[in-house]
Amino acid sequence: MIEKIFIISFIVIGYCCTFWPGMIFERIGNWLECNLPEWINKPIWHCYICCCMWVGSLAYWVIWGNSIKEWLITCVGAMGVNAFVSELTDKAKEVKVSSDDISDEEIDKLFTRFKKTGKYIK
């Protein structure tokens, strides 16, 4: 079951990443953000912790779909993994990058969009 948790977690993170700036669904993400309230945006595409219950459930039932108990454990477990990933990305933002290849503004753009309390930088 652990492998299913990580598979669902990575599916959800990958799905959410498609709405980032420069990705295939960036325009859709911008439209959704401007036209829908945050409480709808988060579980649909904006928060990869919140997406686990909806997108993760869909992925679980399409791929395996054999047990309600396993579905619940898998989706909640994937939420935990994604919460851990979210904390890691928040901590990475706090670390001073000493490379000349990336600016502080680019780092802020990468991490602000999916921060729990932050807003997407346009």
PDB file of N, CA and C in Angstrom:
ATOM      1  N   MET A   1       0.821  -1.188   0.000  1.00  0.00           N
ATOM      2  CA  MET A   1       0.000   0.000   0.000  1.00  0.00           C
ATOM      3  C   MET A   1       0.875   1.266   0.000  1.00  0.00           C
ATOM      4  N   ILE A   2       2.076   1.164   0.550  1.00  0.00           N
ATOM      5  CA  ILE A   2       2.975   2.323   0.574  1.00  0.00           C
ATOM      6  C   ILE A   2       3.264   2.799  -0.845  1.00  0.00           C
ATOM      7  N   GLU A   3       3.476   1.856  -1.758  1.00  0.00           N
ATOM      8  CA  GLU A   3       3.757   2.271  -3.132  1.00  0.00           C
ATOM      9  C   GLU A   3       2.570   2.993  -3.747  1.00  0.00           C
ATOM     10  N   LYS A   4       1.355   2.592  -3.406  1.00  0.00           N
ATOM     11  CA  LYS A   4       0.166   3.276  -3.915  1.00  0.00           C
ATOM     12  C   LYS A   4       0.086   4.703  -3.371  1.00  0.00           C
ATOM     13  N   ILE A   5       0.452   4.871  -2.112  1.00  0.00           N
ATOM     14  CA  ILE A   5       0.442   6.209  -1.511  1.00  0.00           C
ATOM     15  C   ILE A   5       1.403   7.130  -2.263  1.00  0.00           C
ATOM     16  N   PHE A   6       2.616   6.640  -2.537  1.00  0.00           N
ATOM     17  CA  PHE A   6       3.589   7.470  -3.252  1.00  0.00           C
ATOM     18  C   PHE A   6       3.184   7.697  -4.705  1.00  0.00           C
ATOM     19  N   ILE A   7       2.598   6.699  -5.344  1.00  0.00           N
ATOM     20  CA  ILE A   7       2.140   6.874  -6.726  1.00  0.00           C
ATOM     21  C   ILE A   7       1.065   7.953  -6.789  1.00  0.00           C
ATOM     22  N   ILE A   8       0.079   7.883  -5.911  1.00  0.00           N
ATOM     23  CA  ILE A   8      -0.984   8.893  -5.883  1.00  0.00           C
ATOM     24  C   ILE A   8      -0.398  10.266  -5.552  1.00  0.00           C
ATOM     25  N   SER A   9       0.525  10.310  -4.599  1.00  0.00           N
ATOM     26  CA  SER A   9       1.155  11.575  -4.244  1.00  0.00           C
ATOM     27  C   SER A   9       1.838  12.207  -5.448  1.00  0.00           C
ATOM     28  N   PHE A  10       2.620  11.428  -6.179  1.00  0.00           N
ATOM     29  CA  PHE A  10       3.330  11.964  -7.341  1.00  0.00           C
ATOM     30  C   PHE A  10       2.378  12.317  -8.482  1.00  0.00           C
ATOM     31  N   ILE A  11       1.315  11.561  -8.649  1.00  0.00           N
ATOM     32  CA  ILE A  11       0.310  11.909  -9.670  1.00  0.00           C
ATOM     33  C   ILE A  11      -0.293  13.279  -9.350  1.00  0.00           C
ATOM     34  N   VAL A  12      -0.663  13.482  -8.096  1.00  0.00           N
ATOM     35  CA  VAL A  12      -1.290  14.750  -7.694  1.00  0.00           C
ATOM     36  C   VAL A  12      -0.307  15.917  -7.823  1.00  0.00           C
ATOM     37  N   ILE A  13       0.930  15.722  -7.372  1.00  0.00           N
ATOM     38  CA  ILE A  13       1.924  16.795  -7.504  1.00  0.00           C
ATOM     39  C   ILE A  13       2.153  17.114  -8.982  1.00  0.00           C
ATOM     40  N   GLY A  14       2.272  16.082  -9.809  1.00  0.00           N
ATOM     41  CA  GLY A  14       2.450  16.297 -11.250  1.00  0.00           C
ATOM     42  C   GLY A  14       1.275  17.030 -11.860  1.00  0.00           C
ATOM     43  N   TYR A  15       0.064  16.644 -11.461  1.00  0.00           N
ATOM     44  CA  TYR A  15      -1.148  17.316 -11.944  1.00  0.00           C
ATOM     45  C   TYR A  15      -1.124  18.797 -11.563  1.00  0.00           C
ATOM     46  N   CYS A  16      -0.817  19.097 -10.305  1.00  0.00           N
ATOM     47  CA  CYS A  16      -0.780  20.505  -9.857  1.00  0.00           C
ATOM     48  C   CYS A  16       0.307  21.298 -10.572  1.00  0.00           C
ATOM     49  N   CYS A  17       1.418  20.650 -10.870  1.00  0.00           N
ATOM     50  CA  CYS A  17       2.522  21.346 -11.551  1.00  0.00           C
ATOM     51  C   CYS A  17       2.149  21.774 -12.968  1.00  0.00           C
ATOM     52  N   THR A  18       1.180  21.115 -13.573  1.00  0.00           N
ATOM     53  CA  THR A  18       0.794  21.494 -14.939  1.00  0.00           C
ATOM     54  C   THR A  18       0.131  22.865 -14.996  1.00  0.00           C
ATOM     55  N   PHE A  19      -0.241  23.417 -13.839  1.00  0.00           N
ATOM     56  CA  PHE A  19      -0.853  24.749 -13.776  1.00  0.00           C
ATOM     57  C   PHE A  19       0.153  25.843 -13.428  1.00  0.00           C
ATOM     58  N   TRP A  20       1.409  25.497 -13.206  1.00  0.00           N
ATOM     59  CA  TRP A  20       2.448  26.471 -12.883  1.00  0.00           C
ATOM     60  C   TRP A  20       2.713  27.390 -14.069  1.00  0.00           C
ATOM     61  N   PRO A  21       3.326  28.549 -13.822  1.00  0.00           N
ATOM     62  CA  PRO A  21       3.705  29.444 -14.920  1.00  0.00           C
ATOM     63  C   PRO A  21       4.644  28.740 -15.900  1.00  0.00           C
ATOM     64  N   GLY A  22       4.327  28.868 -17.170  1.00  0.00           N
ATOM     65  CA  GLY A  22       5.142  28.254 -18.213  1.00  0.00           C
ATOM     66  C   GLY A  22       4.753  26.820 -18.543  1.00  0.00           C
ATOM     67  N   MET A  23       3.787  26.261 -17.812  1.00  0.00           N
ATOM     68  CA  MET A  23       3.363  24.885 -18.076  1.00  0.00           C
ATOM     69  C   MET A  23       2.109  24.867 -18.948  1.00  0.00           C
ATOM     70  N   ILE A  24       1.698  23.670 -19.319  1.00  0.00           N
ATOM     71  CA  ILE A  24       0.652  23.513 -20.330  1.00  0.00           C
ATOM     72  C   ILE A  24      -0.702  24.118 -19.922  1.00  0.00           C
ATOM     73  N   PHE A  25      -1.063  24.061 -18.648  1.00  0.00           N
ATOM     74  CA  PHE A  25      -2.360  24.582 -18.204  1.00  0.00           C
ATOM     75  C   PHE A  25      -2.247  25.903 -17.447  1.00  0.00           C
ATOM     76  N   GLU A  26      -1.191  26.657 -17.719  1.00  0.00           N
ATOM     77  CA  GLU A  26      -1.000  27.939 -17.028  1.00  0.00           C
ATOM     78  C   GLU A  26      -2.183  28.879 -17.257  1.00  0.00           C
ATOM     79  N   ARG A  27      -2.654  28.980 -18.484  1.00  0.00           N
ATOM     80  CA  ARG A  27      -3.769  29.889 -18.795  1.00  0.00           C
ATOM     81  C   ARG A  27      -5.043  29.470 -18.066  1.00  0.00           C
ATOM     82  N   ILE A  28      -5.283  28.168 -18.003  1.00  0.00           N
ATOM     83  CA  ILE A  28      -6.458  27.674 -17.284  1.00  0.00           C
ATOM     84  C   ILE A  28      -6.335  28.015 -15.805  1.00  0.00           C
ATOM     85  N   GLY A  29      -5.135  27.814 -15.235  1.00  0.00           N
ATOM     86  CA  GLY A  29      -4.906  28.160 -13.833  1.00  0.00           C
ATOM     87  C   GLY A  29      -5.120  29.631 -13.559  1.00  0.00           C
ATOM     88  N   ASN A  30      -4.652  30.476 -14.457  1.00  0.00           N
ATOM     89  CA  ASN A  30      -4.861  31.919 -14.297  1.00  0.00           C
ATOM     90  C   ASN A  30      -6.342  32.263 -14.343  1.00  0.00           C
ATOM     91  N   TRP A  31      -7.075  31.656 -15.274  1.00  0.00           N
ATOM     92  CA  TRP A  31      -8.507  31.918 -15.383  1.00  0.00           C
ATOM     93  C   TRP A  31      -9.245  31.434 -14.132  1.00  0.00           C
ATOM     94  N   LEU A  32      -8.921  30.214 -13.701  1.00  0.00           N
ATOM     95  CA  LEU A  32      -9.567  29.674 -12.504  1.00  0.00           C
ATOM     96  C   LEU A  32      -9.303  30.548 -11.291  1.00  0.00           C
ATOM     97  N   GLU A  33      -8.062  30.997 -11.160  1.00  0.00           N
ATOM     98  CA  GLU A  33      -7.705  31.822 -10.003  1.00  0.00           C
ATOM     99  C   GLU A  33      -8.452  33.154 -10.003  1.00  0.00           C
ATOM    100  N   CYS A  34      -8.657  33.720 -11.169  1.00  0.00           N
ATOM    101  CA  CYS A  34      -9.352  35.014 -11.263  1.00  0.00           C
ATOM    102  C   CYS A  34     -10.860  34.880 -11.119  1.00  0.00           C
ATOM    103  N   ASN A  35     -11.420  33.742 -11.480  1.00  0.00           N
ATOM    104  CA  ASN A  35     -12.871  33.610 -11.558  1.00  0.00           C
ATOM    105  C   ASN A  35     -13.513  32.714 -10.508  1.00  0.00           C
ATOM    106  N   LEU A  36     -12.723  31.972  -9.751  1.00  0.00           N
ATOM    107  CA  LEU A  36     -13.287  31.096  -8.731  1.00  0.00           C
ATOM    108  C   LEU A  36     -12.717  31.454  -7.362  1.00  0.00           C
ATOM    109  N   PRO A  37     -13.492  31.235  -6.302  1.00  0.00           N
ATOM    110  CA  PRO A  37     -12.968  31.526  -4.961  1.00  0.00           C
ATOM    111  C   PRO A  37     -11.884  30.518  -4.554  1.00  0.00           C
ATOM    112  N   GLU A  38     -11.083  30.913  -3.590  1.00  0.00           N
ATOM    113  CA  GLU A  38      -9.962  30.084  -3.155  1.00  0.00           C
ATOM    114  C   GLU A  38     -10.413  28.716  -2.637  1.00  0.00           C
ATOM    115  N   TRP A  39     -11.574  28.659  -1.962  1.00  0.00           N
ATOM    116  CA  TRP A  39     -12.034  27.391  -1.405  1.00  0.00           C
ATOM    117  C   TRP A  39     -12.397  26.382  -2.489  1.00  0.00           C
ATOM    118  N   ILE A  40     -12.592  26.835  -3.713  1.00  0.00           N
ATOM    119  CA  ILE A  40     -12.795  25.914  -4.843  1.00  0.00           C
ATOM    120  C   ILE A  40     -11.474  25.646  -5.541  1.00  0.00           C
ATOM    121  N   ASN A  41     -10.644  26.671  -5.697  1.00  0.00           N
ATOM    122  CA  ASN A  41      -9.351  26.511  -6.383  1.00  0.00           C
ATOM    123  C   ASN A  41      -8.427  25.527  -5.683  1.00  0.00           C
ATOM    124  N   LYS A  42      -8.353  25.604  -4.361  1.00  0.00           N
ATOM    125  CA  LYS A  42      -7.410  24.747  -3.646  1.00  0.00           C
ATOM    126  C   LYS A  42      -7.633  23.265  -3.921  1.00  0.00           C
ATOM    127  N   PRO A  43      -8.828  22.723  -3.750  1.00  0.00           N
ATOM    128  CA  PRO A  43      -8.977  21.282  -3.989  1.00  0.00           C
ATOM    129  C   PRO A  43      -8.958  20.888  -5.469  1.00  0.00           C
ATOM    130  N   ILE A  44      -9.161  21.843  -6.372  1.00  0.00           N
ATOM    131  CA  ILE A  44      -9.166  21.500  -7.797  1.00  0.00           C
ATOM    132  C   ILE A  44      -7.758  21.483  -8.373  1.00  0.00           C
ATOM    133  N   TRP A  45      -6.915  22.471  -8.019  1.00  0.00           N
ATOM    134  CA  TRP A  45      -5.599  22.552  -8.660  1.00  0.00           C
ATOM    135  C   TRP A  45      -4.538  23.318  -7.886  1.00  0.00           C
ATOM    136  N   HIS A  46      -4.911  24.149  -6.955  1.00  0.00           N
ATOM    137  CA  HIS A  46      -3.980  25.097  -6.348  1.00  0.00           C
ATOM    138  C   HIS A  46      -3.125  24.502  -5.231  1.00  0.00           C
ATOM    139  N   CYS A  47      -3.618  23.537  -4.506  1.00  0.00           N
ATOM    140  CA  CYS A  47      -2.921  22.977  -3.344  1.00  0.00           C
ATOM    141  C   CYS A  47      -2.775  21.473  -3.513  1.00  0.00           C
ATOM    142  N   TYR A  48      -1.549  20.981  -3.571  1.00  0.00           N
ATOM    143  CA  TYR A  48      -1.407  19.552  -3.797  1.00  0.00           C
ATOM    144  C   TYR A  48      -1.689  18.713  -2.568  1.00  0.00           C
ATOM    145  N   ILE A  49      -1.917  19.321  -1.432  1.00  0.00           N
ATOM    146  CA  ILE A  49      -2.415  18.574  -0.273  1.00  0.00           C
ATOM    147  C   ILE A  49      -3.931  18.403  -0.420  1.00  0.00           C
ATOM    148  N   CYS A  50      -4.600  19.493  -0.728  1.00  0.00           N
ATOM    149  CA  CYS A  50      -6.058  19.459  -0.889  1.00  0.00           C
ATOM    150  C   CYS A  50      -6.488  18.612  -2.089  1.00  0.00           C
ATOM    151  N   CYS A  51      -5.687  18.632  -3.137  1.00  0.00           N
ATOM    152  CA  CYS A  51      -6.015  17.877  -4.359  1.00  0.00           C
ATOM    153  C   CYS A  51      -6.011  16.370  -4.152  1.00  0.00           C
ATOM    154  N   CYS A  52      -5.325  15.913  -3.130  1.00  0.00           N
ATOM    155  CA  CYS A  52      -5.229  14.459  -2.919  1.00  0.00           C
ATOM    156  C   CYS A  52      -6.597  13.807  -2.776  1.00  0.00           C
ATOM    157  N   MET A  53      -7.518  14.473  -2.116  1.00  0.00           N
ATOM    158  CA  MET A  53      -8.811  13.845  -1.911  1.00  0.00           C
ATOM    159  C   MET A  53      -9.609  13.766  -3.207  1.00  0.00           C
ATOM    160  N   TRP A  54      -9.477  14.745  -4.093  1.00  0.00           N
ATOM    161  CA  TRP A  54     -10.280  14.756  -5.313  1.00  0.00           C
ATOM    162  C   TRP A  54      -9.542  14.123  -6.485  1.00  0.00           C
ATOM    163  N   VAL A  55      -8.407  14.676  -6.835  1.00  0.00           N
ATOM    164  CA  VAL A  55      -7.629  14.140  -7.954  1.00  0.00           C
ATOM    165  C   VAL A  55      -7.059  12.775  -7.580  1.00  0.00           C
ATOM    166  N   GLY A  56      -6.592  12.652  -6.332  1.00  0.00           N
ATOM    167  CA  GLY A  56      -6.066  11.374  -5.860  1.00  0.00           C
ATOM    168  C   GLY A  56      -7.126  10.286  -5.852  1.00  0.00           C
ATOM    169  N   SER A  57      -8.340  10.633  -5.459  1.00  0.00           N
ATOM    170  CA  SER A  57      -9.434   9.655  -5.477  1.00  0.00           C
ATOM    171  C   SER A  57      -9.730   9.190  -6.895  1.00  0.00           C
ATOM    172  N   LEU A  58      -9.804  10.131  -7.813  1.00  0.00           N
ATOM    173  CA  LEU A  58     -10.043   9.778  -9.212  1.00  0.00           C
ATOM    174  C   LEU A  58      -8.944   8.851  -9.727  1.00  0.00           C
ATOM    175  N   ALA A  59      -7.691   9.203  -9.455  1.00  0.00           N
ATOM    176  CA  ALA A  59      -6.570   8.372  -9.897  1.00  0.00           C
ATOM    177  C   ALA A  59      -6.626   6.999  -9.246  1.00  0.00           C
ATOM    178  N   TYR A  60      -6.943   6.940  -7.956  1.00  0.00           N
ATOM    179  CA  TYR A  60      -7.019   5.652  -7.268  1.00  0.00           C
ATOM    180  C   TYR A  60      -8.070   4.751  -7.914  1.00  0.00           C
ATOM    181  N   TRP A  61      -9.253   5.288  -8.122  1.00  0.00           N
ATOM    182  CA  TRP A  61     -10.341   4.446  -8.656  1.00  0.00           C
ATOM    183  C   TRP A  61     -10.104   4.059 -10.105  1.00  0.00           C
ATOM    184  N   VAL A  62      -9.430   4.891 -10.874  1.00  0.00           N
ATOM    185  CA  VAL A  62      -9.114   4.541 -12.259  1.00  0.00           C
ATOM    186  C   VAL A  62      -8.029   3.466 -12.310  1.00  0.00           C
ATOM    187  N   ILE A  63      -7.011   3.584 -11.470  1.00  0.00           N
ATOM    188  CA  ILE A  63      -5.882   2.650 -11.520  1.00  0.00           C
ATOM    189  C   ILE A  63      -6.189   1.345 -10.789  1.00  0.00           C
ATOM    190  N   TRP A  64      -6.685   1.423  -9.532  1.00  0.00           N
ATOM    191  CA  TRP A  64      -6.879   0.206  -8.734  1.00  0.00           C
ATOM    192  C   TRP A  64      -8.338  -0.056  -8.436  1.00  0.00           C
ATOM    193  N   GLY A  65      -9.024   0.877  -7.828  1.00  0.00           N
ATOM    194  CA  GLY A  65     -10.450   0.825  -7.559  1.00  0.00           C
ATOM    195  C   GLY A  65     -10.995  -0.464  -6.973  1.00  0.00           C
ATOM    196  N   ASN A  66     -10.398  -0.963  -5.899  1.00  0.00           N
ATOM    197  CA  ASN A  66     -10.873  -2.240  -5.398  1.00  0.00           C
ATOM    198  C   ASN A  66     -11.363  -2.223  -3.958  1.00  0.00           C
ATOM    199  N   SER A  67     -11.119  -1.172  -3.193  1.00  0.00           N
ATOM    200  CA  SER A  67     -11.489  -1.199  -1.783  1.00  0.00           C
ATOM    201  C   SER A  67     -11.690   0.217  -1.245  1.00  0.00           C
ATOM    202  N   ILE A  68     -12.809   0.435  -0.593  1.00  0.00           N
ATOM    203  CA  ILE A  68     -13.077   1.748  -0.004  1.00  0.00           C
ATOM    204  C   ILE A  68     -12.100   2.028   1.134  1.00  0.00           C
ATOM    205  N   LYS A  69     -11.820   1.013   1.940  1.00  0.00           N
ATOM    206  CA  LYS A  69     -10.874   1.172   3.052  1.00  0.00           C
ATOM    207  C   LYS A  69      -9.480   1.534   2.530  1.00  0.00           C
ATOM    208  N   GLU A  70      -9.018   0.821   1.515  1.00  0.00           N
ATOM    209  CA  GLU A  70      -7.694   1.088   0.943  1.00  0.00           C
ATOM    210  C   GLU A  70      -7.656   2.454   0.263  1.00  0.00           C
ATOM    211  N   TRP A  71      -8.753   2.826  -0.391  1.00  0.00           N
ATOM    212  CA  TRP A  71      -8.840   4.144  -1.037  1.00  0.00           C
ATOM    213  C   TRP A  71      -8.657   5.262  -0.013  1.00  0.00           C
ATOM    214  N   LEU A  72      -9.355   5.158   1.106  1.00  0.00           N
ATOM    215  CA  LEU A  72      -9.271   6.188   2.129  1.00  0.00           C
ATOM    216  C   LEU A  72      -7.863   6.263   2.721  1.00  0.00           C
ATOM    217  N   ILE A  73      -7.282   5.110   3.035  1.00  0.00           N
ATOM    218  CA  ILE A  73      -5.923   5.084   3.592  1.00  0.00           C
ATOM    219  C   ILE A  73      -4.917   5.637   2.591  1.00  0.00           C
ATOM    220  N   THR A  74      -5.058   5.263   1.321  1.00  0.00           N
ATOM    221  CA  THR A  74      -4.134   5.727   0.280  1.00  0.00           C
ATOM    222  C   THR A  74      -4.221   7.240   0.097  1.00  0.00           C
ATOM    223  N   CYS A  75      -5.426   7.772   0.003  1.00  0.00           N
ATOM    224  CA  CYS A  75      -5.574   9.216  -0.217  1.00  0.00           C
ATOM    225  C   CYS A  75      -5.113  10.031   0.982  1.00  0.00           C
ATOM    226  N   VAL A  76      -5.432   9.589   2.185  1.00  0.00           N
ATOM    227  CA  VAL A  76      -4.990  10.312   3.375  1.00  0.00           C
ATOM    228  C   VAL A  76      -3.470  10.199   3.523  1.00  0.00           C
ATOM    229  N   GLY A  77      -2.922   9.029   3.218  1.00  0.00           N
ATOM    230  CA  GLY A  77      -1.467   8.859   3.244  1.00  0.00           C
ATOM    231  C   GLY A  77      -0.776   9.757   2.231  1.00  0.00           C
ATOM    232  N   ALA A  78      -1.355   9.865   1.035  1.00  0.00           N
ATOM    233  CA  ALA A  78      -0.793  10.748   0.008  1.00  0.00           C
ATOM    234  C   ALA A  78      -0.876  12.211   0.446  1.00  0.00           C
ATOM    235  N   MET A  79      -1.931  12.566   1.171  1.00  0.00           N
ATOM    236  CA  MET A  79      -2.028  13.920   1.721  1.00  0.00           C
ATOM    237  C   MET A  79      -0.875  14.182   2.682  1.00  0.00           C
ATOM    238  N   GLY A  80      -0.540  13.189   3.497  1.00  0.00           N
ATOM    239  CA  GLY A  80       0.582  13.329   4.419  1.00  0.00           C
ATOM    240  C   GLY A  80       1.907  13.491   3.701  1.00  0.00           C
ATOM    241  N   VAL A  81       2.109  12.694   2.659  1.00  0.00           N
ATOM    242  CA  VAL A  81       3.337  12.808   1.867  1.00  0.00           C
ATOM    243  C   VAL A  81       3.417  14.194   1.234  1.00  0.00           C
ATOM    244  N   ASN A  82       2.307  14.657   0.674  1.00  0.00           N
ATOM    245  CA  ASN A  82       2.305  15.976   0.034  1.00  0.00           C
ATOM    246  C   ASN A  82       2.470  17.104   1.050  1.00  0.00           C
ATOM    247  N   ALA A  83       1.969  16.918   2.271  1.00  0.00           N
ATOM    248  CA  ALA A  83       2.197  17.921   3.318  1.00  0.00           C
ATOM    249  C   ALA A  83       3.688  17.988   3.645  1.00  0.00           C
ATOM    250  N   PHE A  84       4.345  16.836   3.690  1.00  0.00           N
ATOM    251  CA  PHE A  84       5.784  16.783   3.925  1.00  0.00           C
ATOM    252  C   PHE A  84       6.535  17.482   2.800  1.00  0.00           C
ATOM    253  N   VAL A  85       6.140  17.216   1.556  1.00  0.00           N
ATOM    254  CA  VAL A  85       6.762  17.865   0.397  1.00  0.00           C
ATOM    255  C   VAL A  85       6.543  19.377   0.464  1.00  0.00           C
ATOM    256  N   SER A  86       5.359  19.785   0.864  1.00  0.00           N
ATOM    257  CA  SER A  86       5.050  21.216   0.986  1.00  0.00           C
ATOM    258  C   SER A  86       5.949  21.877   2.029  1.00  0.00           C
ATOM    259  N   GLU A  87       6.141  21.222   3.144  1.00  0.00           N
ATOM    260  CA  GLU A  87       7.035  21.754   4.172  1.00  0.00           C
ATOM    261  C   GLU A  87       8.469  21.837   3.668  1.00  0.00           C
ATOM    262  N   LEU A  88       8.904  20.829   2.909  1.00  0.00           N
ATOM    263  CA  LEU A  88      10.259  20.853   2.351  1.00  0.00           C
ATOM    264  C   LEU A  88      10.441  22.026   1.394  1.00  0.00           C
ATOM    265  N   THR A  89       9.445  22.286   0.565  1.00  0.00           N
ATOM    266  CA  THR A  89       9.557  23.406  -0.371  1.00  0.00           C
ATOM    267  C   THR A  89       9.551  24.739   0.372  1.00  0.00           C
ATOM    268  N   ASP A  90       8.777  24.823   1.466  1.00  0.00           N
ATOM    269  CA  ASP A  90       8.793  26.048   2.275  1.00  0.00           C
ATOM    270  C   ASP A  90      10.160  26.255   2.918  1.00  0.00           C
ATOM    271  N   LYS A  91      10.752  25.173   3.415  1.00  0.00           N
ATOM    272  CA  LYS A  91      12.085  25.268   4.024  1.00  0.00           C
ATOM    273  C   LYS A  91      13.138  25.612   2.977  1.00  0.00           C
ATOM    274  N   ALA A  92      12.994  25.060   1.776  1.00  0.00           N
ATOM    275  CA  ALA A  92      13.952  25.345   0.708  1.00  0.00           C
ATOM    276  C   ALA A  92      13.922  26.819   0.329  1.00  0.00           C
ATOM    277  N   LYS A  93      12.765  27.436   0.435  1.00  0.00           N
ATOM    278  CA  LYS A  93      12.653  28.856   0.126  1.00  0.00           C
ATOM    279  C   LYS A  93      13.439  29.702   1.123  1.00  0.00           C
ATOM    280  N   GLU A  94      13.508  29.222   2.360  1.00  0.00           N
ATOM    281  CA  GLU A  94      14.208  29.964   3.401  1.00  0.00           C
ATOM    282  C   GLU A  94      15.729  29.873   3.256  1.00  0.00           C
ATOM    283  N   VAL A  95      16.194  28.860   2.558  1.00  0.00           N
ATOM    284  CA  VAL A  95      17.636  28.657   2.393  1.00  0.00           C
ATOM    285  C   VAL A  95      18.174  29.662   1.383  1.00  0.00           C
ATOM    286  N   LYS A  96      19.263  30.293   1.728  1.00  0.00           N
ATOM    287  CA  LYS A  96      19.893  31.260   0.826  1.00  0.00           C
ATOM    288  C   LYS A  96      20.573  30.522  -0.315  1.00  0.00           C
ATOM    289  N   VAL A  97      20.184  30.832  -1.526  1.00  0.00           N
ATOM    290  CA  VAL A  97      20.796  30.225  -2.697  1.00  0.00           C
ATOM    291  C   VAL A  97      21.977  31.086  -3.109  1.00  0.00           C
ATOM    292  N   SER A  98      23.134  30.474  -3.206  1.00  0.00           N
ATOM    293  CA  SER A  98      24.333  31.239  -3.518  1.00  0.00           C
ATOM    294  C   SER A  98      24.763  31.087  -4.975  1.00  0.00           C
ATOM    295  N   SER A  99      23.847  30.685  -5.821  1.00  0.00           N
ATOM    296  CA  SER A  99      24.176  30.498  -7.232  1.00  0.00           C
ATOM    297  C   SER A  99      23.876  31.770  -8.014  1.00  0.00           C
ATOM    298  N   ASP A 100      24.680  32.049  -9.006  1.00  0.00           N
ATOM    299  CA  ASP A 100      24.436  33.206  -9.876  1.00  0.00           C
ATOM    300  C   ASP A 100      23.389  32.895 -10.937  1.00  0.00           C
ATOM    301  N   ASP A 101      23.038  31.614 -11.108  1.00  0.00           N
ATOM    302  CA  ASP A 101      22.128  31.205 -12.172  1.00  0.00           C
ATOM    303  C   ASP A 101      20.670  31.523 -11.881  1.00  0.00           C
ATOM    304  N   ILE A 102      20.296  31.685 -10.608  1.00  0.00           N
ATOM    305  CA  ILE A 102      18.897  31.909 -10.273  1.00  0.00           C
ATOM    306  C   ILE A 102      18.790  33.078  -9.304  1.00  0.00           C
ATOM    307  N   SER A 103      17.834  33.948  -9.557  1.00  0.00           N
ATOM    308  CA  SER A 103      17.670  35.128  -8.716  1.00  0.00           C
ATOM    309  C   SER A 103      16.661  34.845  -7.602  1.00  0.00           C
ATOM    310  N   ASP A 104      16.655  35.710  -6.605  1.00  0.00           N
ATOM    311  CA  ASP A 104      15.701  35.580  -5.511  1.00  0.00           C
ATOM    312  C   ASP A 104      14.265  35.716  -6.011  1.00  0.00           C
ATOM    313  N   GLU A 105      14.052  36.558  -7.017  1.00  0.00           N
ATOM    314  CA  GLU A 105      12.708  36.731  -7.567  1.00  0.00           C
ATOM    315  C   GLU A 105      12.209  35.439  -8.222  1.00  0.00           C
ATOM    316  N   GLU A 106      13.084  34.742  -8.933  1.00  0.00           N
ATOM    317  CA  GLU A 106      12.691  33.476  -9.564  1.00  0.00           C
ATOM    318  C   GLU A 106      12.366  32.422  -8.514  1.00  0.00           C
ATOM    319  N   ILE A 107      13.119  32.386  -7.431  1.00  0.00           N
ATOM    320  CA  ILE A 107      12.837  31.445  -6.344  1.00  0.00           C
ATOM    321  C   ILE A 107      11.481  31.762  -5.731  1.00  0.00           C
ATOM    322  N   ASP A 108      11.204  33.045  -5.487  1.00  0.00           N
ATOM    323  CA  ASP A 108       9.908  33.435  -4.933  1.00  0.00           C
ATOM    324  C   ASP A 108       8.764  33.013  -5.830  1.00  0.00           C
ATOM    325  N   LYS A 109       8.901  33.186  -7.138  1.00  0.00           N
ATOM    326  CA  LYS A 109       7.848  32.791  -8.070  1.00  0.00           C
ATOM    327  C   LYS A 109       7.607  31.286  -8.038  1.00  0.00           C
ATOM    328  N   LEU A 110       8.684  30.513  -7.908  1.00  0.00           N
ATOM    329  CA  LEU A 110       8.539  29.052  -7.881  1.00  0.00           C
ATOM    330  C   LEU A 110       7.784  28.562  -6.647  1.00  0.00           C
ATOM    331  N   PHE A 111       8.058  29.156  -5.503  1.00  0.00           N
ATOM    332  CA  PHE A 111       7.515  28.619  -4.263  1.00  0.00           C
ATOM    333  C   PHE A 111       6.282  29.338  -3.739  1.00  0.00           C
ATOM    334  N   THR A 112       6.002  30.535  -4.170  1.00  0.00           N
ATOM    335  CA  THR A 112       4.879  31.287  -3.630  1.00  0.00           C
ATOM    336  C   THR A 112       3.540  30.751  -4.090  1.00  0.00           C
ATOM    337  N   ARG A 113       3.467  30.270  -5.319  1.00  0.00           N
ATOM    338  CA  ARG A 113       2.179  29.876  -5.877  1.00  0.00           C
ATOM    339  C   ARG A 113       1.495  28.777  -5.078  1.00  0.00           C
ATOM    340  N   PHE A 114       2.240  27.820  -4.583  1.00  0.00           N
ATOM    341  CA  PHE A 114       1.618  26.705  -3.889  1.00  0.00           C
ATOM    342  C   PHE A 114       1.815  26.739  -2.383  1.00  0.00           C
ATOM    343  N   LYS A 115       2.264  27.858  -1.887  1.00  0.00           N
ATOM    344  CA  LYS A 115       2.376  28.013  -0.443  1.00  0.00           C
ATOM    345  C   LYS A 115       0.971  28.105   0.136  1.00  0.00           C
ATOM    346  N   LYS A 116       0.755  27.502   1.250  1.00  0.00           N
ATOM    347  CA  LYS A 116      -0.587  27.412   1.827  1.00  0.00           C
ATOM    348  C   LYS A 116      -1.269  28.771   1.979  1.00  0.00           C
ATOM    349  N   THR A 117      -0.544  29.756   2.466  1.00  0.00           N
ATOM    350  CA  THR A 117      -1.183  31.053   2.713  1.00  0.00           C
ATOM    351  C   THR A 117      -0.829  32.081   1.646  1.00  0.00           C
ATOM    352  N   GLY A 118       0.015  31.736   0.706  1.00  0.00           N
ATOM    353  CA  GLY A 118       0.447  32.690  -0.313  1.00  0.00           C
ATOM    354  C   GLY A 118      -0.486  32.727  -1.508  1.00  0.00           C
ATOM    355  N   LYS A 119      -0.318  33.724  -2.316  1.00  0.00           N
ATOM    356  CA  LYS A 119      -1.082  33.877  -3.559  1.00  0.00           C
ATOM    357  C   LYS A 119      -0.155  33.728  -4.743  1.00  0.00           C
ATOM    358  N   TYR A 120      -0.706  33.385  -5.864  1.00  0.00           N
ATOM    359  CA  TYR A 120       0.044  33.226  -7.105  1.00  0.00           C
ATOM    360  C   TYR A 120       0.579  34.574  -7.568  1.00  0.00           C
ATOM    361  N   ILE A 121       1.846  34.605  -7.903  1.00  0.00           N
ATOM    362  CA  ILE A 121       2.465  35.846  -8.406  1.00  0.00           C
ATOM    363  C   ILE A 121       2.298  35.871  -9.915  1.00  0.00           C
ATOM    364  N   LYS A 122       1.651  36.914 -10.414  1.00  0.00           N
ATOM    365  CA  LYS A 122       1.432  37.008 -11.865  1.00  0.00           C
ATOM    366  C   LYS A 122       2.506  37.815 -12.503  1.00  0.00           C
TER     367      LYS A 122
END
